[in-house]
Amino acid sequence: MFQNICNDYRAHSRDWGAQGFWVMVVYRFGRWRYGVRPAILRKLFSLLYRMLFKFVQIITGIELPCEVLIGRNFVIDHFGGIVISGYAQFGDNCRIRNGVVVGLRRVEEKCAPIIGNNVDIGAGAKILGPIRIGNNVLIGANAVVLCDVPDNSVAAGVPASIRPRRANQDPYPGSHMRVHGIGRNEGERLKRCLRSLPATARVIYVDSGSTDGSEIWASDFGAEVVHLDVSTRFTAARARNAGFRRLLELAPQISWVQFIDSDCELDSKWPASAVAFLQHHADAAAVFGRRRELNPQRSIYNTLCDWEWDGPAGEARACGGDVMMRAAALQDAGGYRESLIAGEEPELCVRLRAAGWRIWRLNAEMTMHDAAMTRFSQYWKRKMRSGYAFAEGAHLHGSPPERHWVWESRRAWIWGVWLPVICMSAGLFLAPWGWASWGIYPVQILRQTFRGTGGFRERSIKSFFQVLDRFAEGWGQIKFTHDRLVNRETPLIEYK
């Protein structure tokens, strides 16, 4: 019993607070009591089990009687509305979610589904009757399955239709490469993202509470869907770690992981280029290439994003969200820092470089991004989030020799906070000449325009927005300082 409980603990990501884990503890105890001797002691344990079973059922909304036959690494992702018939059977590495029913089709039929190995059951799915679910099967969210499902299939819809699951063999022999995407309510962008991935790649998609059907579409596409607990604050770092842990459960031997945001499309030639580089550079932890904006002409803010992501090839200090990562390096670093609401990739790179790993930018096309920024308010929030990330990064790693984002933070405070205060004070107390102090900003725009590279239009636009950015970044710095002083957990700053 205790060995099984330890395995269940590991399967639930070593989270003592996972309600699914405690349901499994009671289940394991119920199975164990059958072997207790003498009979009088077994009856006492049976009474205790019934009390625990009812207690857990009321608290979690999960009905999992000990009569069910369950294999190894059985995971209950979310609690509530889960009913499993005592006649049901599960193989190894199965996963269920809230609202799942596995039971009888009719009361008089004492036959429930027999479920194979590596079966992932989406939220709200109903699997009923004397049917068999094969190995390596995905059951879509809210699907109603009333017939047998063969191995390597996807069942989705009401009633469920069956189609072959995408092949999971490695597209690059010997590379052990997998793809990891995260998102929420990305809609058509998610569809374009998944269609751009290698046809034979194993895909993990981490969903953080989408309400537009993203998780259903990803599951139907053939991706392994990981649902984040929406009762806990969402961060991209938390989503990346959750998906990476699931990848390790499914394929402990993986060598590289391609992380991609679900508003991006992957270039078809990029995975081969990235894997080849990592294979020939044993000290490289991460490689990334050119990220471009899908519609730079749609708005000036999209254009600024496209310019922002253009950098020289060579060794880099940090990477972004789209990156090919060496799995061993990510494991050694302990994954992304889940408390960060932004800037988790540069913070991870700080720790990777401190451990002796190197980060590289390749001269190769990597992803096409859809920022979809058409309003100034979106741009302002994005830059305010950058200021918040600068402040948090400097707080974590601002000491020598790294001095991570110390200059960026000081720059935001000087140009975005203190100089506006000084100029406003000069205008109020030294009017009218004091208002001329605001002229320092046009001078700074001209200075950066003549120092920049590229055409005059590009240099002037960049310079104007670089000066404007300091105000938003300064507000982000103030927000971080305030939240830290009052010990407040900041929600995610989103611009879409």
Protein backbone atom coordinates (compact mmCIF):
# COMPACT_ATOMS: atom_id res chain seq x y z
CA MET A 1 0.00 0.00 0.00
CA PHE A 2 2.67 2.48 0.99
CA GLN A 3 4.64 1.93 -2.20
CA ASN A 4 1.50 2.57 -4.23
CA ILE A 5 0.82 5.76 -2.28
CA CYS A 6 4.39 6.94 -2.95
CA ASN A 7 3.85 6.30 -6.66
CA ASP A 8 0.57 8.22 -6.55
CA TYR A 9 2.33 11.11 -4.82
CA ARG A 10 4.91 11.28 -7.61
CA ALA A 11 2.22 10.96 -10.28
CA HIS A 12 0.44 14.00 -8.78
CA SER A 13 3.61 16.12 -9.20
CA ARG A 14 4.60 15.61 -5.53
CA ASP A 15 1.81 17.94 -4.46
CA TRP A 16 0.49 17.03 -0.99
CA GLY A 17 -2.40 19.43 -1.51
CA ALA A 18 -3.70 17.72 -4.66
CA GLN A 19 -7.18 16.44 -3.83
CA GLY A 20 -6.81 13.69 -6.40
CA PHE A 21 -3.86 12.37 -4.42
CA TRP A 22 -5.89 12.07 -1.21
CA VAL A 23 -8.66 10.29 -3.08
CA MET A 24 -6.03 7.79 -4.22
CA VAL A 25 -4.77 7.39 -0.63
CA VAL A 26 -8.25 6.36 0.50
CA TYR A 27 -8.60 4.07 -2.54
CA ARG A 28 -5.27 2.36 -1.79
CA PHE A 29 -6.29 1.90 1.84
CA GLY A 30 -9.58 0.34 0.72
CA ARG A 31 -7.73 -2.15 -1.51
CA TRP A 32 -5.18 -2.95 1.20
CA ARG A 33 -7.78 -3.84 3.83
CA TYR A 34 -8.88 -6.89 1.81
CA GLY A 35 -5.67 -8.66 2.84
CA VAL A 36 -5.89 -7.88 6.55
CA ARG A 37 -6.11 -10.84 8.93
CA PRO A 38 -7.89 -11.67 11.27
CA ALA A 39 -11.43 -10.99 10.05
CA ILE A 40 -12.42 -8.87 13.08
CA LEU A 41 -9.56 -6.48 12.36
CA ARG A 42 -10.48 -6.37 8.69
CA LYS A 43 -14.06 -5.39 9.64
CA LEU A 44 -12.74 -2.52 11.77
CA PHE A 45 -10.60 -1.30 8.86
CA SER A 46 -13.63 -1.69 6.56
CA LEU A 47 -15.68 0.58 8.81
CA LEU A 48 -12.85 3.14 8.82
CA TYR A 49 -12.61 2.92 5.02
CA ARG A 50 -16.34 3.56 4.56
CA MET A 51 -16.10 6.64 6.75
CA LEU A 52 -13.06 7.95 4.86
CA PHE A 53 -14.66 7.15 1.50
CA LYS A 54 -17.79 9.18 2.34
CA PHE A 55 -15.73 12.02 3.77
CA VAL A 56 -13.53 12.29 0.66
CA GLN A 57 -16.56 11.94 -1.62
CA ILE A 58 -18.30 14.86 0.09
CA ILE A 59 -15.19 17.08 0.21
CA THR A 60 -13.90 16.46 -3.32
CA GLY A 61 -16.94 15.35 -5.28
CA ILE A 62 -15.02 12.29 -6.47
CA GLU A 63 -16.54 8.81 -6.23
CA LEU A 64 -13.79 6.22 -6.66
CA PRO A 65 -14.70 2.96 -4.90
CA CYS A 66 -11.98 0.50 -4.03
CA GLU A 67 -13.58 -2.15 -6.25
CA VAL A 68 -12.22 -0.36 -9.32
CA LEU A 69 -9.06 -1.95 -10.76
CA ILE A 70 -6.44 0.74 -11.35
CA GLY A 71 -2.92 0.46 -12.74
CA ARG A 72 0.12 2.59 -12.00
CA ASN A 73 0.40 6.40 -12.29
CA PHE A 74 -3.34 7.08 -12.21
CA VAL A 75 -3.84 10.86 -12.04
CA ILE A 76 -6.96 12.85 -11.12
CA ASP A 77 -6.17 16.33 -12.45
CA HIS A 78 -9.15 18.25 -11.05
CA PHE A 79 -11.83 17.44 -8.52
CA GLY A 80 -15.61 17.64 -8.73
CA GLY A 81 -18.31 15.62 -10.45
CA ILE A 82 -16.18 12.50 -11.03
CA VAL A 83 -18.00 9.16 -10.81
CA ILE A 84 -16.24 5.84 -11.45
CA SER A 85 -18.20 2.59 -11.37
CA GLY A 86 -16.83 -0.18 -9.22
CA TYR A 87 -16.96 -2.44 -12.28
CA ALA A 88 -14.54 -0.24 -14.26
CA GLN A 89 -10.89 -1.06 -14.97
CA PHE A 90 -7.96 1.24 -15.79
CA GLY A 91 -4.49 0.42 -17.12
CA ASP A 92 -1.25 2.28 -16.43
CA ASN A 93 -0.63 6.02 -16.94
CA CYS A 94 -4.28 7.08 -17.17
CA ARG A 95 -5.51 10.61 -16.42
CA ILE A 96 -9.02 11.92 -15.73
CA ARG A 97 -10.46 15.36 -15.03
CA ASN A 98 -13.48 17.01 -13.47
CA GLY A 99 -16.92 15.93 -14.65
CA VAL A 100 -15.77 12.52 -15.94
CA VAL A 101 -18.16 9.57 -15.61
CA VAL A 102 -16.99 6.02 -16.25
CA GLY A 103 -19.88 3.72 -15.54
CA LEU A 104 -22.86 1.59 -16.55
CA ARG A 105 -24.99 2.37 -19.54
CA ARG A 106 -28.02 0.73 -17.90
CA VAL A 107 -28.53 -0.14 -14.27
CA GLU A 108 -29.32 -3.78 -15.04
CA GLU A 109 -26.01 -4.20 -16.94
CA LYS A 110 -23.26 -4.83 -14.42
CA CYS A 111 -20.53 -4.12 -16.98
CA ALA A 112 -18.45 -0.95 -17.07
CA PRO A 113 -15.69 0.20 -19.47
CA ILE A 114 -12.27 -1.44 -19.51
CA ILE A 115 -9.68 1.23 -20.19
CA GLY A 116 -6.16 0.50 -21.45
CA ASN A 117 -2.78 2.13 -20.85
CA ASN A 118 -1.86 5.77 -21.54
CA VAL A 119 -5.44 7.01 -21.82
CA ASP A 120 -6.14 10.73 -21.33
CA ILE A 121 -9.77 11.60 -20.57
CA GLY A 122 -10.87 15.23 -21.01
CA ALA A 123 -13.11 17.17 -18.64
CA GLY A 124 -16.78 16.25 -18.72
CA ALA A 125 -16.32 13.08 -20.79
CA LYS A 126 -18.79 10.21 -20.33
CA ILE A 127 -17.64 6.63 -21.02
CA LEU A 128 -20.50 4.19 -20.57
CA GLY A 129 -21.31 0.52 -21.00
CA PRO A 130 -19.43 -2.75 -21.60
CA ILE A 131 -16.85 -1.24 -23.95
CA ARG A 132 -13.07 -1.33 -24.30
CA ILE A 133 -10.83 1.70 -24.65
CA GLY A 134 -7.48 0.81 -26.22
CA ASN A 135 -3.97 1.99 -25.40
CA ASN A 136 -2.68 5.49 -26.21
CA VAL A 137 -6.16 6.97 -26.59
CA LEU A 138 -7.33 10.57 -26.16
CA ILE A 139 -10.92 11.18 -25.06
CA GLY A 140 -11.97 14.76 -25.86
CA ALA A 141 -13.63 17.05 -23.33
CA ASN A 142 -17.42 16.45 -23.01
CA ALA A 143 -17.25 13.45 -25.35
CA VAL A 144 -19.84 10.69 -24.91
CA VAL A 145 -18.21 7.35 -25.70
CA LEU A 146 -20.59 4.40 -26.17
CA CYS A 147 -18.49 2.10 -28.38
CA ASP A 148 -15.09 0.44 -28.42
CA VAL A 149 -12.11 2.70 -29.18
CA PRO A 150 -9.07 1.05 -30.81
CA ASP A 151 -5.45 1.72 -29.87
CA ASN A 152 -3.84 5.02 -30.90
CA SER A 153 -7.13 6.84 -31.47
CA VAL A 154 -8.94 10.05 -30.58
CA ALA A 155 -12.60 10.00 -29.49
CA ALA A 156 -14.44 13.33 -29.53
CA GLY A 157 -17.99 14.60 -29.92
CA VAL A 158 -21.51 13.59 -28.87
CA PRO A 159 -21.76 10.75 -29.55
CA ALA A 160 -18.02 10.32 -29.96
CA SER A 161 -16.55 9.81 -33.39
CA ILE A 162 -13.30 7.88 -33.65
CA ARG A 163 -10.30 8.83 -35.71
CA PRO A 164 -6.63 7.74 -35.71
CA ARG A 165 -4.33 9.61 -33.41
CA ARG A 166 -1.35 11.39 -34.87
CA ALA A 167 1.78 9.28 -34.90
CA ASN A 168 4.17 9.95 -32.05
CA GLN A 169 7.42 8.73 -33.57
CA ASP A 170 10.35 11.12 -33.49
CA PRO A 171 10.66 13.18 -36.68
CA TYR A 172 14.38 13.58 -36.15
CA PRO A 173 16.01 10.17 -35.47
CA GLY A 174 17.97 10.13 -32.27
CA SER A 175 16.89 13.62 -31.23
CA HIS A 176 14.06 12.73 -28.79
CA MET A 177 12.47 16.12 -29.52
CA ARG A 178 9.04 17.13 -28.19
CA VAL A 179 6.94 20.28 -28.60
CA HIS A 180 5.44 22.20 -25.68
CA GLY A 181 2.85 24.96 -26.18
CA ILE A 182 0.92 27.12 -23.72
CA GLY A 183 -2.08 29.38 -24.17
CA ARG A 184 -5.51 30.62 -23.19
CA ASN A 185 -8.35 31.63 -25.48
CA GLU A 186 -6.07 31.92 -28.52
CA GLY A 187 -8.73 30.60 -30.93
CA GLU A 188 -7.58 30.64 -34.55
CA ARG A 189 -4.02 31.48 -33.49
CA LEU A 190 -3.83 28.19 -31.60
CA LYS A 191 -5.09 26.30 -34.64
CA ARG A 192 -2.44 27.88 -36.85
CA CYS A 193 0.18 27.11 -34.21
CA LEU A 194 -0.67 23.41 -34.01
CA ARG A 195 -0.89 23.07 -37.79
CA SER A 196 2.62 24.51 -38.12
CA LEU A 197 4.20 21.86 -35.87
CA PRO A 198 6.03 18.81 -37.29
CA ALA A 199 3.42 16.27 -38.36
CA THR A 200 4.93 13.46 -36.30
CA ALA A 201 5.99 15.41 -33.19
CA ARG A 202 4.58 14.59 -29.76
CA VAL A 203 2.78 17.76 -28.67
CA ILE A 204 1.89 18.89 -25.15
CA TYR A 205 -0.56 21.79 -24.87
CA VAL A 206 -1.06 23.46 -21.48
CA ASP A 207 -4.38 25.25 -21.16
CA SER A 208 -5.04 27.77 -18.41
CA GLY A 209 -8.79 27.98 -18.28
CA SER A 210 -9.81 28.70 -21.89
CA THR A 211 -13.48 29.41 -22.49
CA ASP A 212 -13.35 29.40 -26.31
CA GLY A 213 -12.94 25.64 -26.77
CA SER A 214 -9.16 25.78 -27.26
CA GLU A 215 -8.53 22.68 -25.18
CA ILE A 216 -11.13 20.67 -27.12
CA TRP A 217 -9.62 21.65 -30.44
CA ALA A 218 -6.10 20.84 -29.23
CA SER A 219 -7.25 17.44 -27.97
CA ASP A 220 -9.04 16.70 -31.24
CA PHE A 221 -5.87 17.67 -33.09
CA GLY A 222 -3.98 14.98 -31.17
CA ALA A 223 -2.13 17.05 -28.58
CA GLU A 224 -1.80 15.89 -24.99
CA VAL A 225 -3.74 18.53 -23.04
CA VAL A 226 -2.64 19.55 -19.54
CA HIS A 227 -5.17 21.62 -17.59
CA LEU A 228 -3.89 24.10 -15.04
CA ASP A 229 -5.78 24.53 -11.79
CA VAL A 230 -7.53 27.87 -12.33
CA SER A 231 -7.96 28.41 -8.58
CA THR A 232 -4.23 29.21 -8.41
CA ARG A 233 -2.76 32.32 -10.03
CA PHE A 234 -1.77 31.63 -13.61
CA THR A 235 1.74 32.42 -14.83
CA ALA A 236 3.42 31.37 -18.06
CA ALA A 237 6.25 29.89 -15.99
CA ARG A 238 3.81 27.68 -14.11
CA ALA A 239 2.29 26.50 -17.39
CA ARG A 240 5.70 25.71 -18.88
CA ASN A 241 6.71 23.69 -15.83
CA ALA A 242 3.45 21.75 -15.78
CA GLY A 243 3.82 20.77 -19.41
CA PHE A 244 7.48 19.87 -19.00
CA ARG A 245 6.68 17.61 -16.04
CA ARG A 246 4.05 15.86 -18.14
CA LEU A 247 6.56 15.41 -20.97
CA LEU A 248 8.98 13.76 -18.57
CA GLU A 249 6.24 11.43 -17.37
CA LEU A 250 5.41 10.38 -20.92
CA ALA A 251 8.97 10.28 -22.27
CA PRO A 252 11.68 10.40 -19.59
CA GLN A 253 14.35 9.96 -22.29
CA ILE A 254 13.65 13.25 -24.13
CA SER A 255 16.72 15.28 -25.02
CA TRP A 256 15.21 18.54 -26.30
CA VAL A 257 11.96 20.43 -25.92
CA GLN A 258 10.67 23.09 -28.29
CA PHE A 259 8.73 25.65 -26.25
CA ILE A 260 6.32 27.78 -28.24
CA ASP A 261 3.58 30.25 -27.36
CA SER A 262 0.24 29.36 -28.92
CA ASP A 263 0.05 32.70 -30.76
CA CYS A 264 3.07 31.68 -32.84
CA GLU A 265 3.68 29.46 -35.87
CA LEU A 266 6.82 27.34 -36.06
CA ASP A 267 9.03 27.50 -39.16
CA SER A 268 9.26 24.04 -40.74
CA LYS A 269 13.08 24.15 -40.99
CA TRP A 270 13.72 25.37 -37.46
CA PRO A 271 13.56 22.11 -35.42
CA ALA A 272 16.20 20.37 -37.54
CA SER A 273 18.52 23.40 -37.34
CA ALA A 274 18.10 23.77 -33.58
CA VAL A 275 18.58 20.06 -32.82
CA ALA A 276 21.69 19.91 -35.03
CA PHE A 277 23.20 22.88 -33.16
CA LEU A 278 22.47 21.39 -29.74
CA GLN A 279 23.95 18.04 -30.79
CA HIS A 280 27.23 19.73 -31.77
CA HIS A 281 27.42 22.10 -28.76
CA ALA A 282 27.29 20.09 -25.55
CA ASP A 283 27.41 23.23 -23.36
CA ALA A 284 24.41 24.87 -25.05
CA ALA A 285 21.28 24.87 -22.90
CA ALA A 286 19.01 26.76 -25.26
CA VAL A 287 18.91 28.02 -28.83
CA PHE A 288 16.49 30.41 -30.50
CA GLY A 289 16.21 32.08 -33.87
CA ARG A 290 14.40 34.93 -35.58
CA ARG A 291 10.88 35.60 -34.39
CA ARG A 292 8.87 37.75 -36.77
CA GLU A 293 5.56 39.52 -36.50
CA LEU A 294 2.81 38.05 -38.68
CA ASN A 295 1.14 41.38 -39.53
CA PRO A 296 3.65 44.20 -38.92
CA GLN A 297 1.72 46.50 -41.26
CA ARG A 298 -1.48 46.17 -39.24
CA SER A 299 -0.39 48.67 -36.57
CA ILE A 300 2.67 50.61 -35.47
CA TYR A 301 2.70 48.48 -32.30
CA ASN A 302 3.04 45.27 -34.31
CA THR A 303 5.87 46.92 -36.27
CA LEU A 304 7.66 47.79 -33.04
CA CYS A 305 7.40 44.15 -31.93
CA ASP A 306 8.97 42.99 -35.19
CA TRP A 307 11.88 45.42 -34.75
CA GLU A 308 12.28 44.48 -31.09
CA TRP A 309 12.83 40.79 -31.90
CA ASP A 310 15.51 41.42 -34.52
CA GLY A 311 18.95 40.86 -33.01
CA PRO A 312 22.41 39.69 -34.05
CA ALA A 313 23.23 35.98 -34.16
CA GLY A 314 25.70 34.60 -31.64
CA GLU A 315 25.91 33.92 -27.93
CA ALA A 316 23.13 35.65 -25.99
CA ARG A 317 22.40 36.43 -22.36
CA ALA A 318 18.73 35.47 -22.52
CA CYS A 319 16.04 33.91 -24.68
CA GLY A 320 12.30 34.43 -25.08
CA GLY A 321 9.28 32.16 -24.82
CA ASP A 322 9.95 30.44 -28.16
CA VAL A 323 13.10 28.39 -27.64
CA MET A 324 14.56 24.94 -28.13
CA MET A 325 15.74 23.82 -24.68
CA ARG A 326 18.02 20.99 -23.63
CA ALA A 327 15.87 18.94 -21.25
CA ALA A 328 18.77 18.02 -18.93
CA ALA A 329 19.74 21.67 -18.49
CA LEU A 330 16.17 22.69 -17.68
CA GLN A 331 15.91 19.89 -15.13
CA ASP A 332 19.24 20.86 -13.53
CA ALA A 333 18.06 24.47 -13.19
CA GLY A 334 14.83 23.40 -11.51
CA GLY A 335 12.60 24.72 -14.28
CA TYR A 336 11.09 28.17 -14.61
CA ARG A 337 10.45 30.32 -11.53
CA GLU A 338 6.67 30.01 -11.19
CA SER A 339 6.17 33.13 -9.07
CA LEU A 340 7.18 35.47 -11.90
CA ILE A 341 4.35 37.06 -13.88
CA ALA A 342 6.78 38.13 -16.63
CA GLY A 343 10.45 37.78 -17.54
CA GLU A 344 10.63 34.11 -16.56
CA GLU A 345 12.84 33.16 -19.53
CA PRO A 346 15.66 35.71 -18.87
CA GLU A 347 15.55 34.80 -15.17
CA LEU A 348 15.97 31.11 -16.06
CA CYS A 349 18.87 32.02 -18.35
CA VAL A 350 20.60 33.79 -15.46
CA ARG A 351 20.58 30.54 -13.50
CA LEU A 352 21.58 28.47 -16.53
CA ARG A 353 24.59 30.68 -17.26
CA ALA A 354 25.59 30.63 -13.58
CA ALA A 355 25.66 26.83 -13.84
CA GLY A 356 27.99 26.96 -16.85
CA TRP A 357 25.46 26.60 -19.67
CA ARG A 358 25.37 28.87 -22.72
CA ILE A 359 22.50 30.49 -24.67
CA TRP A 360 22.66 31.00 -28.43
CA ARG A 361 20.74 32.96 -31.05
CA LEU A 362 20.93 31.34 -34.49
CA ASN A 363 20.71 33.07 -37.84
CA ALA A 364 17.61 31.08 -38.80
CA GLU A 365 13.88 31.68 -39.02
CA MET A 366 12.10 30.26 -35.96
CA THR A 367 8.54 31.50 -35.42
CA MET A 368 5.90 33.85 -36.77
CA HIS A 369 4.12 35.73 -33.98
CA ASP A 370 0.67 37.32 -33.96
CA ALA A 371 0.81 40.14 -31.41
CA ALA A 372 -2.61 41.48 -32.47
CA MET A 373 -1.83 44.89 -30.89
CA THR A 374 -4.02 47.56 -32.43
CA ARG A 375 -4.61 49.87 -29.45
CA PHE A 376 -2.28 52.05 -27.45
CA SER A 377 -3.67 50.61 -24.20
CA GLN A 378 -2.38 47.17 -25.23
CA TYR A 379 1.08 48.57 -25.93
CA TRP A 380 1.10 50.44 -22.61
CA LYS A 381 0.21 47.29 -20.63
CA ARG A 382 2.90 45.30 -22.41
CA LYS A 383 5.56 47.87 -21.54
CA MET A 384 4.28 48.23 -17.99
CA ARG A 385 4.68 44.47 -17.66
CA SER A 386 8.27 44.85 -18.90
CA GLY A 387 8.92 47.43 -16.18
CA TYR A 388 7.49 45.08 -13.58
CA ALA A 389 9.71 42.27 -14.90
CA PHE A 390 12.79 44.55 -14.78
CA ALA A 391 12.08 45.38 -11.14
CA GLU A 392 11.50 41.76 -10.12
CA GLY A 393 14.57 40.58 -12.04
CA ALA A 394 16.78 43.19 -10.40
CA HIS A 395 15.36 42.25 -7.01
CA LEU A 396 16.26 38.58 -7.56
CA HIS A 397 19.61 38.85 -9.35
CA GLY A 398 20.65 42.50 -9.10
CA SER A 399 23.79 41.92 -7.07
CA PRO A 400 27.24 41.63 -8.75
CA PRO A 401 28.46 40.12 -10.94
CA GLU A 402 25.17 39.51 -12.77
CA ARG A 403 23.46 42.88 -12.16
CA HIS A 404 20.43 41.45 -13.91
CA TRP A 405 18.19 44.28 -15.21
CA VAL A 406 19.65 46.82 -12.77
CA TRP A 407 20.36 49.37 -15.52
CA GLU A 408 16.93 48.83 -17.10
CA SER A 409 15.30 49.46 -13.72
CA ARG A 410 17.36 52.58 -13.02
CA ARG A 411 16.60 53.90 -16.51
CA ALA A 412 12.86 53.45 -15.88
CA TRP A 413 13.04 55.24 -12.55
CA ILE A 414 15.10 58.14 -13.95
CA TRP A 415 13.18 58.82 -17.16
CA GLY A 416 9.77 57.49 -16.15
CA VAL A 417 9.43 58.61 -12.52
CA TRP A 418 11.99 61.06 -11.12
CA LEU A 419 12.46 63.34 -14.14
CA PRO A 420 8.67 63.79 -14.60
CA VAL A 421 8.41 64.69 -10.90
CA ILE A 422 11.28 67.19 -11.23
CA CYS A 423 9.87 68.71 -14.42
CA MET A 424 6.40 69.03 -12.92
CA SER A 425 7.82 70.65 -9.78
CA ALA A 426 9.91 73.05 -11.88
CA GLY A 427 6.85 74.02 -13.89
CA LEU A 428 4.76 74.67 -10.78
CA PHE A 429 7.35 76.56 -8.73
CA LEU A 430 9.43 78.22 -11.48
CA ALA A 431 6.67 79.08 -13.94
CA PRO A 432 6.68 79.93 -16.74
CA TRP A 433 10.31 79.07 -17.48
CA GLY A 434 10.22 75.92 -15.41
CA TRP A 435 7.98 74.23 -17.94
CA ALA A 436 10.86 74.33 -20.42
CA SER A 437 12.47 71.52 -18.43
CA TRP A 438 10.14 69.11 -20.26
CA GLY A 439 12.25 69.84 -23.33
CA ILE A 440 14.70 67.21 -22.12
CA TYR A 441 12.44 64.54 -23.64
CA PRO A 442 12.41 65.89 -27.23
CA VAL A 443 16.17 66.32 -26.92
CA GLN A 444 16.49 62.69 -25.87
CA ILE A 445 14.35 61.59 -28.84
CA LEU A 446 16.59 63.52 -31.24
CA ARG A 447 19.72 62.17 -29.58
CA GLN A 448 18.59 58.55 -29.95
CA THR A 449 17.40 59.15 -33.51
CA PHE A 450 20.86 60.25 -34.65
CA ARG A 451 22.59 57.47 -32.69
CA GLY A 452 20.36 54.67 -34.00
CA THR A 453 20.77 52.41 -37.02
CA GLY A 454 18.52 51.91 -40.04
CA GLY A 455 16.47 54.35 -42.07
CA PHE A 456 15.44 57.73 -40.68
CA ARG A 457 11.78 56.72 -40.36
CA GLU A 458 12.66 53.58 -38.41
CA ARG A 459 15.12 55.44 -36.17
CA SER A 460 12.72 58.27 -35.38
CA ILE A 461 9.81 55.92 -34.57
CA LYS A 462 12.02 53.75 -32.37
CA SER A 463 13.39 56.78 -30.54
CA PHE A 464 9.97 58.26 -29.85
CA PHE A 465 8.59 55.02 -28.44
CA GLN A 466 11.76 54.22 -26.49
CA VAL A 467 11.32 57.47 -24.59
CA LEU A 468 7.59 56.84 -24.19
CA ASP A 469 8.35 53.31 -22.92
CA ARG A 470 10.13 54.71 -19.87
CA PHE A 471 6.85 56.08 -18.48
CA ALA A 472 5.10 52.70 -18.73
CA GLU A 473 8.16 50.90 -17.36
CA GLY A 474 8.36 53.38 -14.50
CA TRP A 475 4.74 52.64 -13.62
CA GLY A 476 5.60 48.93 -13.64
CA GLN A 477 8.49 49.63 -11.25
CA ILE A 478 6.17 51.51 -8.90
CA LYS A 479 3.64 48.69 -9.05
CA PHE A 480 6.27 46.09 -8.11
CA THR A 481 7.57 48.23 -5.24
CA HIS A 482 4.05 48.76 -3.90
CA ASP A 483 3.12 45.08 -4.18
CA ARG A 484 6.30 44.06 -2.40
CA LEU A 485 5.77 46.54 0.43
CA VAL A 486 2.18 45.41 1.08
CA ASN A 487 3.03 41.75 0.39
CA ARG A 488 0.45 41.56 -2.41
CA GLU A 489 0.33 38.83 -5.05
CA THR A 490 0.08 40.57 -8.40
CA PRO A 491 -2.27 39.09 -11.02
CA LEU A 492 -1.01 38.49 -14.51
CA ILE A 493 -0.65 41.66 -16.60
CA GLU A 494 -2.18 40.79 -19.97
CA TYR A 495 -2.34 42.99 -23.03
CA LYS A 496 -4.60 40.80 -25.23
